[in-house]
Amino acid sequence: MNSAVTVARRAQVTPPFAMRPLVALVFEGLSEDDKRLPSVLFHDMQGIRLLERLYARREHYHARAERGLIERHCGEIATLCGPRAALVDYGSATTAATQVLLAALTAPHSYLPIDREEDLLEAACRDTARHLPHLVVHALCQDYRQCVVLPEVFARAGRRVGLFSGAMFGELPPLEAAAQLVWAMGTLGPRAALIVGIDLVKSPDVHVRAYDDEDGAGARYNAYPLTRINRELDGTFQADAFQHRATWNAAAQRVETSLESLRTQLPSLTGIGVPLREGERLLTQCHHAYTLEGFANLAHTAGWAIARTWVDEDLGYALELLEPAKSAA
């Protein structure tokens, strides 16, 4: 970690946990009958910059809605979290809304951003140190979809509070989302709280336009995995040989973004060819939406109960605060 990043005392980073190599994840996805690219390809500093440009578009409401809800309700959230809370941030892609929440907490104990990309962790620590110079930060370099073991210092926190932005949680298929909620319970403990942003089901056109805007920010973001494969895995994918697609899957309640091959081609990575037919699609990401009832059922399955719900009716977005079902009963 960059030694210039200090917060109260030198920021600590737990070394990277054993993670599956990026090349293995890419080959696994491309070997399936319905080819896909792993969403982790979006998650580095360049990918986040492209995502932030998408966030700035009028059609993409998710980050705007989530930050607005946190800003409007941060006092109530802080009261529910209690003093000396430790905030565990599952996926530290963007920190603006997180900083609003941290600033509102009463004498927060510490902040733990989790991400598999060390450059994103460095950025999260720098931004947090600039806005909250006395906060203790201990970053954890691992895939947040794995079971997380907190450093010992977090045992002294008043309450452990997890944060899942809608951007991160929405990537997870329902079964994987349920598993993630179970793991979070084990990590955060019996007195935990978990804050989750969720996109609410609405008109399919609204969902699709969020990822297929008029200015093409969604298309540029969606093509970024090809750039990363070419740069890091000796790939030969040509972005202009693919067409950006965003479609609504009504049965699964999600937007699916993909790259459609415009011709029969044989790009390669690490010297191994990937045959693609004209019209064949590479699934890049899924962005799941929920009804309030559907999310409550998912949370209940994983042992959580809804403690509070805040909804932006205009943008169709919600922020949920969960507590272990036994403590909420």
Protein backbone atom coordinates (compact mmCIF):
# COMPACT_ATOMS: atom_id res chain seq x y z
CA MET A 1 0.00 0.00 0.00
CA ASN A 2 1.22 3.51 -0.76
CA SER A 3 2.99 4.78 2.38
CA ALA A 4 1.49 8.25 1.77
CA VAL A 5 -1.92 6.89 2.69
CA THR A 6 -2.27 7.41 6.43
CA VAL A 7 -5.35 7.58 8.62
CA ALA A 8 -4.81 8.15 12.34
CA ARG A 9 -1.99 5.63 12.05
CA ARG A 10 -0.55 4.09 8.90
CA ALA A 11 -3.31 2.46 6.86
CA GLN A 12 -2.96 -1.30 6.87
CA VAL A 13 -3.66 -3.66 4.01
CA THR A 14 -4.03 -7.36 4.54
CA PRO A 15 -2.06 -9.01 1.70
CA PRO A 16 -4.11 -10.45 -1.17
CA PHE A 17 -5.92 -13.66 -0.34
CA ALA A 18 -5.56 -16.55 -2.77
CA MET A 19 -7.81 -15.63 -5.68
CA ARG A 20 -8.48 -17.44 -8.92
CA PRO A 21 -6.28 -15.93 -11.65
CA LEU A 22 -8.01 -13.59 -14.07
CA VAL A 23 -7.04 -15.77 -17.04
CA ALA A 24 -8.78 -18.78 -15.45
CA LEU A 25 -11.99 -16.80 -14.93
CA VAL A 26 -11.95 -15.59 -18.54
CA PHE A 27 -11.32 -19.05 -20.02
CA GLU A 28 -14.03 -20.53 -17.82
CA GLY A 29 -16.60 -18.06 -19.13
CA LEU A 30 -15.58 -18.41 -22.76
CA SER A 31 -15.70 -22.21 -22.60
CA GLU A 32 -19.43 -22.26 -21.79
CA ASP A 33 -22.09 -22.84 -24.45
CA ASP A 34 -23.45 -19.35 -23.76
CA LYS A 35 -20.17 -17.48 -23.58
CA ARG A 36 -19.64 -14.82 -20.95
CA LEU A 37 -16.91 -12.57 -19.63
CA PRO A 38 -16.37 -12.31 -15.85
CA SER A 39 -17.60 -9.05 -14.35
CA VAL A 40 -14.30 -8.60 -12.49
CA LEU A 41 -12.87 -7.40 -15.82
CA PHE A 42 -14.69 -4.11 -15.20
CA HIS A 43 -13.23 -3.64 -11.74
CA ASP A 44 -9.97 -1.76 -12.04
CA MET A 45 -9.19 1.95 -12.01
CA GLN A 46 -9.75 2.51 -15.73
CA GLY A 47 -13.00 0.56 -15.63
CA ILE A 48 -14.25 2.60 -12.67
CA ARG A 49 -13.49 5.85 -14.51
CA LEU A 50 -15.67 4.64 -17.38
CA LEU A 51 -18.36 3.63 -14.89
CA GLU A 52 -18.31 7.09 -13.31
CA ARG A 53 -18.90 8.62 -16.74
CA LEU A 54 -21.91 6.34 -17.08
CA TYR A 55 -23.08 7.43 -13.61
CA ALA A 56 -23.02 11.03 -14.84
CA ARG A 57 -25.52 10.35 -17.62
CA ARG A 58 -29.13 11.38 -17.04
CA GLU A 59 -30.40 7.90 -17.92
CA HIS A 60 -28.28 6.14 -15.27
CA TYR A 61 -29.98 6.84 -11.94
CA HIS A 62 -28.52 4.19 -9.61
CA ALA A 63 -25.60 6.04 -7.98
CA ARG A 64 -27.54 9.31 -7.90
CA ALA A 65 -30.49 7.66 -6.14
CA GLU A 66 -28.31 5.78 -3.65
CA ARG A 67 -26.29 8.81 -2.64
CA GLY A 68 -29.46 10.89 -2.34
CA LEU A 69 -31.03 8.34 0.01
CA ILE A 70 -27.89 8.20 2.16
CA GLU A 71 -27.68 12.00 2.31
CA ARG A 72 -31.34 12.38 3.27
CA HIS A 73 -31.37 9.61 5.87
CA CYS A 74 -27.78 9.47 7.16
CA GLY A 75 -28.80 10.81 10.58
CA GLU A 76 -31.32 8.01 11.10
CA ILE A 77 -28.88 5.45 9.73
CA ALA A 78 -26.20 6.68 12.16
CA THR A 79 -28.61 6.38 15.09
CA LEU A 80 -29.49 2.82 14.12
CA CYS A 81 -25.81 1.88 13.72
CA GLY A 82 -24.89 3.37 17.10
CA PRO A 83 -21.58 4.82 18.31
CA ARG A 84 -18.17 3.41 17.40
CA ALA A 85 -19.48 1.43 14.45
CA ALA A 86 -17.04 -0.26 12.08
CA LEU A 87 -18.06 0.03 8.43
CA VAL A 88 -17.21 -2.93 6.16
CA ASP A 89 -17.50 -1.88 2.50
CA TYR A 90 -18.07 -4.83 0.14
CA GLY A 91 -16.48 -3.58 -3.08
CA SER A 92 -14.84 -0.16 -2.86
CA ALA A 93 -15.49 0.96 -6.44
CA THR A 94 -16.74 4.44 -5.57
CA THR A 95 -16.46 6.16 -2.20
CA ALA A 96 -18.56 9.35 -2.44
CA ALA A 97 -21.70 7.90 -0.81
CA THR A 98 -19.56 5.91 1.65
CA GLN A 99 -17.86 9.09 2.85
CA VAL A 100 -21.24 10.73 3.46
CA LEU A 101 -22.22 7.78 5.63
CA LEU A 102 -18.89 7.64 7.49
CA ALA A 103 -19.07 11.38 8.22
CA ALA A 104 -22.55 10.94 9.73
CA LEU A 105 -21.65 8.05 12.05
CA THR A 106 -21.10 8.82 15.73
CA ALA A 107 -17.38 8.43 16.52
CA PRO A 108 -16.90 5.65 13.96
CA HIS A 109 -14.42 2.99 15.04
CA SER A 110 -12.92 2.09 11.65
CA TYR A 111 -13.46 1.52 7.96
CA LEU A 112 -12.67 -1.67 6.01
CA PRO A 113 -12.91 -1.46 2.21
CA ILE A 114 -12.71 -4.85 0.47
CA ASP A 115 -11.71 -5.31 -3.17
CA ARG A 116 -9.62 -7.71 -5.24
CA GLU A 117 -7.97 -4.75 -7.06
CA GLU A 118 -5.27 -3.08 -4.98
CA ASP A 119 -5.36 0.15 -7.00
CA LEU A 120 -9.03 0.59 -6.09
CA LEU A 121 -8.22 0.03 -2.43
CA GLU A 122 -5.48 2.63 -2.59
CA ALA A 123 -7.90 5.14 -4.11
CA ALA A 124 -10.55 4.36 -1.48
CA CYS A 125 -8.03 4.87 1.33
CA ARG A 126 -6.70 8.11 -0.14
CA ASP A 127 -10.19 9.55 -0.60
CA THR A 128 -11.25 8.53 2.90
CA ALA A 129 -8.07 9.93 4.46
CA ARG A 130 -8.60 13.24 2.69
CA HIS A 131 -12.17 13.60 3.96
CA LEU A 132 -11.85 11.85 7.35
CA PRO A 133 -8.20 12.17 8.41
CA HIS A 134 -8.66 10.68 11.91
CA LEU A 135 -10.46 7.50 10.87
CA VAL A 136 -8.66 4.15 11.18
CA VAL A 137 -8.66 2.26 7.86
CA HIS A 138 -7.65 -1.35 7.32
CA ALA A 139 -8.11 -2.36 3.69
CA LEU A 140 -8.57 -6.01 2.73
CA CYS A 141 -7.36 -7.17 -0.70
CA GLN A 142 -9.53 -10.10 -1.69
CA ASP A 143 -12.62 -10.98 -3.69
CA TYR A 144 -15.52 -9.80 -1.55
CA ARG A 145 -17.57 -12.74 -2.88
CA GLN A 146 -15.42 -15.04 -0.79
CA CYS A 147 -15.83 -15.52 2.96
CA VAL A 148 -14.29 -12.49 4.69
CA VAL A 149 -12.39 -12.74 7.99
CA LEU A 150 -12.09 -9.39 9.73
CA PRO A 151 -8.81 -8.24 11.32
CA GLU A 152 -8.67 -8.47 15.13
CA VAL A 153 -8.99 -4.70 15.57
CA PHE A 154 -12.64 -4.90 14.48
CA ALA A 155 -13.55 -6.98 17.54
CA ARG A 156 -13.35 -3.75 19.54
CA ALA A 157 -15.94 -1.92 17.43
CA GLY A 158 -19.32 -0.99 18.84
CA ARG A 159 -21.21 -2.58 15.96
CA ARG A 160 -20.07 -4.05 12.65
CA VAL A 161 -22.00 -2.55 9.77
CA GLY A 162 -21.73 -3.93 6.24
CA LEU A 163 -22.36 -1.84 3.15
CA PHE A 164 -23.34 -3.25 -0.24
CA SER A 165 -23.87 -0.63 -2.90
CA GLY A 166 -26.55 -1.43 -5.43
CA ALA A 167 -23.90 -1.54 -8.16
CA MET A 168 -22.14 -4.42 -6.39
CA PHE A 169 -25.16 -6.27 -5.03
CA GLY A 170 -27.05 -5.99 -8.32
CA GLU A 171 -24.34 -7.96 -10.13
CA LEU A 172 -25.09 -11.06 -8.08
CA PRO A 173 -27.61 -13.67 -9.29
CA PRO A 174 -30.24 -14.34 -6.57
CA LEU A 175 -28.68 -17.60 -5.33
CA GLU A 176 -25.24 -16.00 -5.15
CA ALA A 177 -26.77 -12.92 -3.49
CA ALA A 178 -28.36 -15.15 -0.84
CA ALA A 179 -25.01 -16.87 -0.26
CA GLN A 180 -23.32 -13.47 0.06
CA LEU A 181 -25.85 -12.41 2.68
CA VAL A 182 -25.17 -15.62 4.64
CA TRP A 183 -21.41 -15.00 4.48
CA ALA A 184 -21.91 -11.40 5.58
CA MET A 185 -23.81 -12.63 8.63
CA GLY A 186 -20.89 -14.86 9.57
CA THR A 187 -18.40 -12.03 9.05
CA LEU A 188 -20.28 -9.26 10.83
CA GLY A 189 -21.63 -11.28 13.75
CA PRO A 190 -24.87 -11.47 15.75
CA ARG A 191 -25.09 -7.71 16.45
CA ALA A 192 -24.52 -6.79 12.81
CA ALA A 193 -26.30 -4.39 10.54
CA LEU A 194 -26.14 -4.55 6.75
CA ILE A 195 -27.02 -1.71 4.39
CA VAL A 196 -27.94 -2.76 0.84
CA GLY A 197 -28.86 -0.65 -2.16
CA ILE A 198 -31.40 -2.23 -4.54
CA ASP A 199 -32.76 -1.21 -7.90
CA LEU A 200 -36.55 -1.63 -7.92
CA VAL A 201 -38.41 -3.29 -10.79
CA LYS A 202 -39.95 -0.69 -13.09
CA SER A 203 -40.57 -0.11 -16.80
CA PRO A 204 -38.14 -2.24 -18.87
CA ASP A 205 -37.28 0.80 -20.99
CA VAL A 206 -36.00 2.66 -17.92
CA HIS A 207 -33.80 -0.27 -16.92
CA VAL A 208 -32.36 -0.67 -20.42
CA ARG A 209 -31.68 3.03 -21.04
CA ALA A 210 -29.58 3.13 -17.87
CA TYR A 211 -27.03 0.94 -19.70
CA ASP A 212 -27.72 2.05 -23.27
CA ASP A 213 -27.70 5.85 -23.06
CA GLU A 214 -27.81 8.21 -26.04
CA ASP A 215 -24.21 9.39 -25.59
CA GLY A 216 -22.77 5.87 -25.63
CA ALA A 217 -21.22 5.90 -22.15
CA GLY A 218 -22.79 2.50 -21.48
CA ALA A 219 -21.41 1.10 -24.73
CA ARG A 220 -17.88 2.33 -23.96
CA TYR A 221 -18.06 0.86 -20.47
CA ASN A 222 -19.37 -2.46 -21.79
CA ALA A 223 -16.49 -2.78 -24.27
CA TYR A 224 -13.83 -2.24 -21.60
CA PRO A 225 -13.34 -5.98 -20.80
CA LEU A 226 -11.93 -6.43 -24.31
CA THR A 227 -9.38 -3.69 -23.66
CA ARG A 228 -8.33 -5.34 -20.43
CA ILE A 229 -8.06 -8.80 -22.00
CA ASN A 230 -5.85 -7.36 -24.75
CA ARG A 231 -3.68 -5.50 -22.26
CA GLU A 232 -3.28 -8.14 -19.54
CA LEU A 233 -3.87 -11.46 -21.30
CA ASP A 234 -2.19 -10.86 -24.68
CA GLY A 235 -5.58 -10.68 -26.36
CA THR A 236 -6.42 -9.81 -29.97
CA PHE A 237 -10.08 -8.76 -29.53
CA GLN A 238 -11.14 -5.81 -31.69
CA ALA A 239 -13.79 -3.61 -30.13
CA ASP A 240 -15.18 -2.54 -33.52
CA ALA A 241 -15.95 -6.20 -34.30
CA PHE A 242 -18.65 -6.19 -31.60
CA GLN A 243 -21.95 -4.38 -31.04
CA HIS A 244 -23.07 -3.27 -27.58
CA ARG A 245 -26.38 -4.77 -26.49
CA ALA A 246 -28.53 -4.14 -23.40
CA THR A 247 -31.74 -6.12 -22.98
CA TRP A 248 -34.31 -6.69 -20.23
CA ASN A 249 -34.82 -10.29 -19.11
CA ALA A 250 -38.33 -10.18 -17.61
CA ALA A 251 -38.21 -13.71 -16.18
CA ALA A 252 -34.99 -13.02 -14.27
CA GLN A 253 -35.82 -9.33 -13.54
CA ARG A 254 -32.48 -8.08 -14.79
CA VAL A 255 -30.72 -6.09 -17.48
CA GLU A 256 -28.24 -8.18 -19.44
CA THR A 257 -25.41 -6.40 -21.23
CA SER A 258 -23.49 -8.24 -23.91
CA LEU A 259 -21.16 -7.83 -26.85
CA GLU A 260 -22.51 -9.23 -30.12
CA SER A 261 -20.02 -10.46 -32.69
CA LEU A 262 -20.55 -8.62 -35.99
CA ARG A 263 -18.87 -11.36 -38.02
CA THR A 264 -17.39 -14.82 -37.78
CA GLN A 265 -14.01 -14.30 -36.15
CA LEU A 266 -11.21 -15.96 -34.20
CA PRO A 267 -9.77 -13.59 -31.58
CA SER A 268 -7.33 -15.07 -29.09
CA LEU A 269 -5.92 -14.63 -25.61
CA THR A 270 -2.61 -16.05 -24.40
CA GLY A 271 -2.29 -17.48 -27.91
CA ILE A 272 -5.44 -19.59 -27.72
CA GLY A 273 -8.17 -18.87 -30.27
CA VAL A 274 -11.80 -18.18 -29.32
CA PRO A 275 -14.09 -19.01 -32.28
CA LEU A 276 -17.12 -16.72 -32.51
CA ARG A 277 -20.02 -16.90 -34.94
CA GLU A 278 -21.66 -13.84 -36.47
CA GLY A 279 -24.42 -12.79 -34.08
CA GLU A 280 -22.99 -14.74 -31.14
CA ARG A 281 -23.06 -12.79 -27.89
CA LEU A 282 -20.62 -12.56 -25.00
CA LEU A 283 -22.57 -11.85 -21.81
CA THR A 284 -20.67 -9.19 -19.86
CA GLN A 285 -22.84 -8.24 -16.89
CA CYS A 286 -26.25 -8.75 -15.33
CA HIS A 287 -27.89 -6.02 -13.26
CA HIS A 288 -30.65 -7.48 -11.09
CA ALA A 289 -33.68 -5.57 -9.87
CA TYR A 290 -36.06 -6.51 -7.06
CA THR A 291 -39.48 -5.79 -5.68
CA LEU A 292 -39.44 -4.82 -2.00
CA GLU A 293 -41.25 -8.06 -1.17
CA GLY A 294 -38.86 -10.12 -3.28
CA PHE A 295 -35.79 -8.65 -1.60
CA ALA A 296 -37.33 -9.13 1.87
CA ASN A 297 -37.89 -12.81 1.07
CA LEU A 298 -34.30 -13.17 -0.15
CA ALA A 299 -32.97 -11.52 3.02
CA HIS A 300 -35.17 -13.71 5.22
CA THR A 301 -33.88 -16.84 3.49
CA ALA A 302 -30.35 -15.78 4.47
CA GLY A 303 -31.30 -15.11 8.12
CA TRP A 304 -31.80 -11.34 7.93
CA ALA A 305 -34.83 -9.17 8.69
CA ILE A 306 -35.63 -5.74 7.25
CA ALA A 307 -35.14 -3.13 9.98
CA ARG A 308 -35.70 -0.01 7.83
CA THR A 309 -36.49 0.74 4.20
CA TRP A 310 -35.94 4.08 2.49
CA VAL A 311 -37.33 4.49 -1.02
CA ASP A 312 -36.80 7.05 -3.77
CA GLU A 313 -40.20 6.81 -5.44
CA ASP A 314 -39.21 9.05 -8.35
CA LEU A 315 -36.15 7.02 -9.36
CA GLY A 316 -37.40 3.62 -8.27
CA TYR A 317 -34.57 2.75 -5.92
CA ALA A 318 -34.37 1.62 -2.29
CA LEU A 319 -31.90 1.46 0.56
CA GLU A 320 -32.46 -1.38 3.02
CA LEU A 321 -31.04 -1.75 6.52
CA LEU A 322 -30.94 -5.38 7.63
CA GLU A 323 -30.42 -6.92 11.04
CA PRO A 324 -30.07 -10.59 12.02
CA ALA A 325 -33.60 -11.98 12.18
CA LYS A 326 -33.28 -13.14 15.80
CA SER A 327 -32.13 -9.74 17.06
CA ALA A 328 -34.80 -7.97 15.02
CA ALA A 329 -37.60 -10.20 16.33
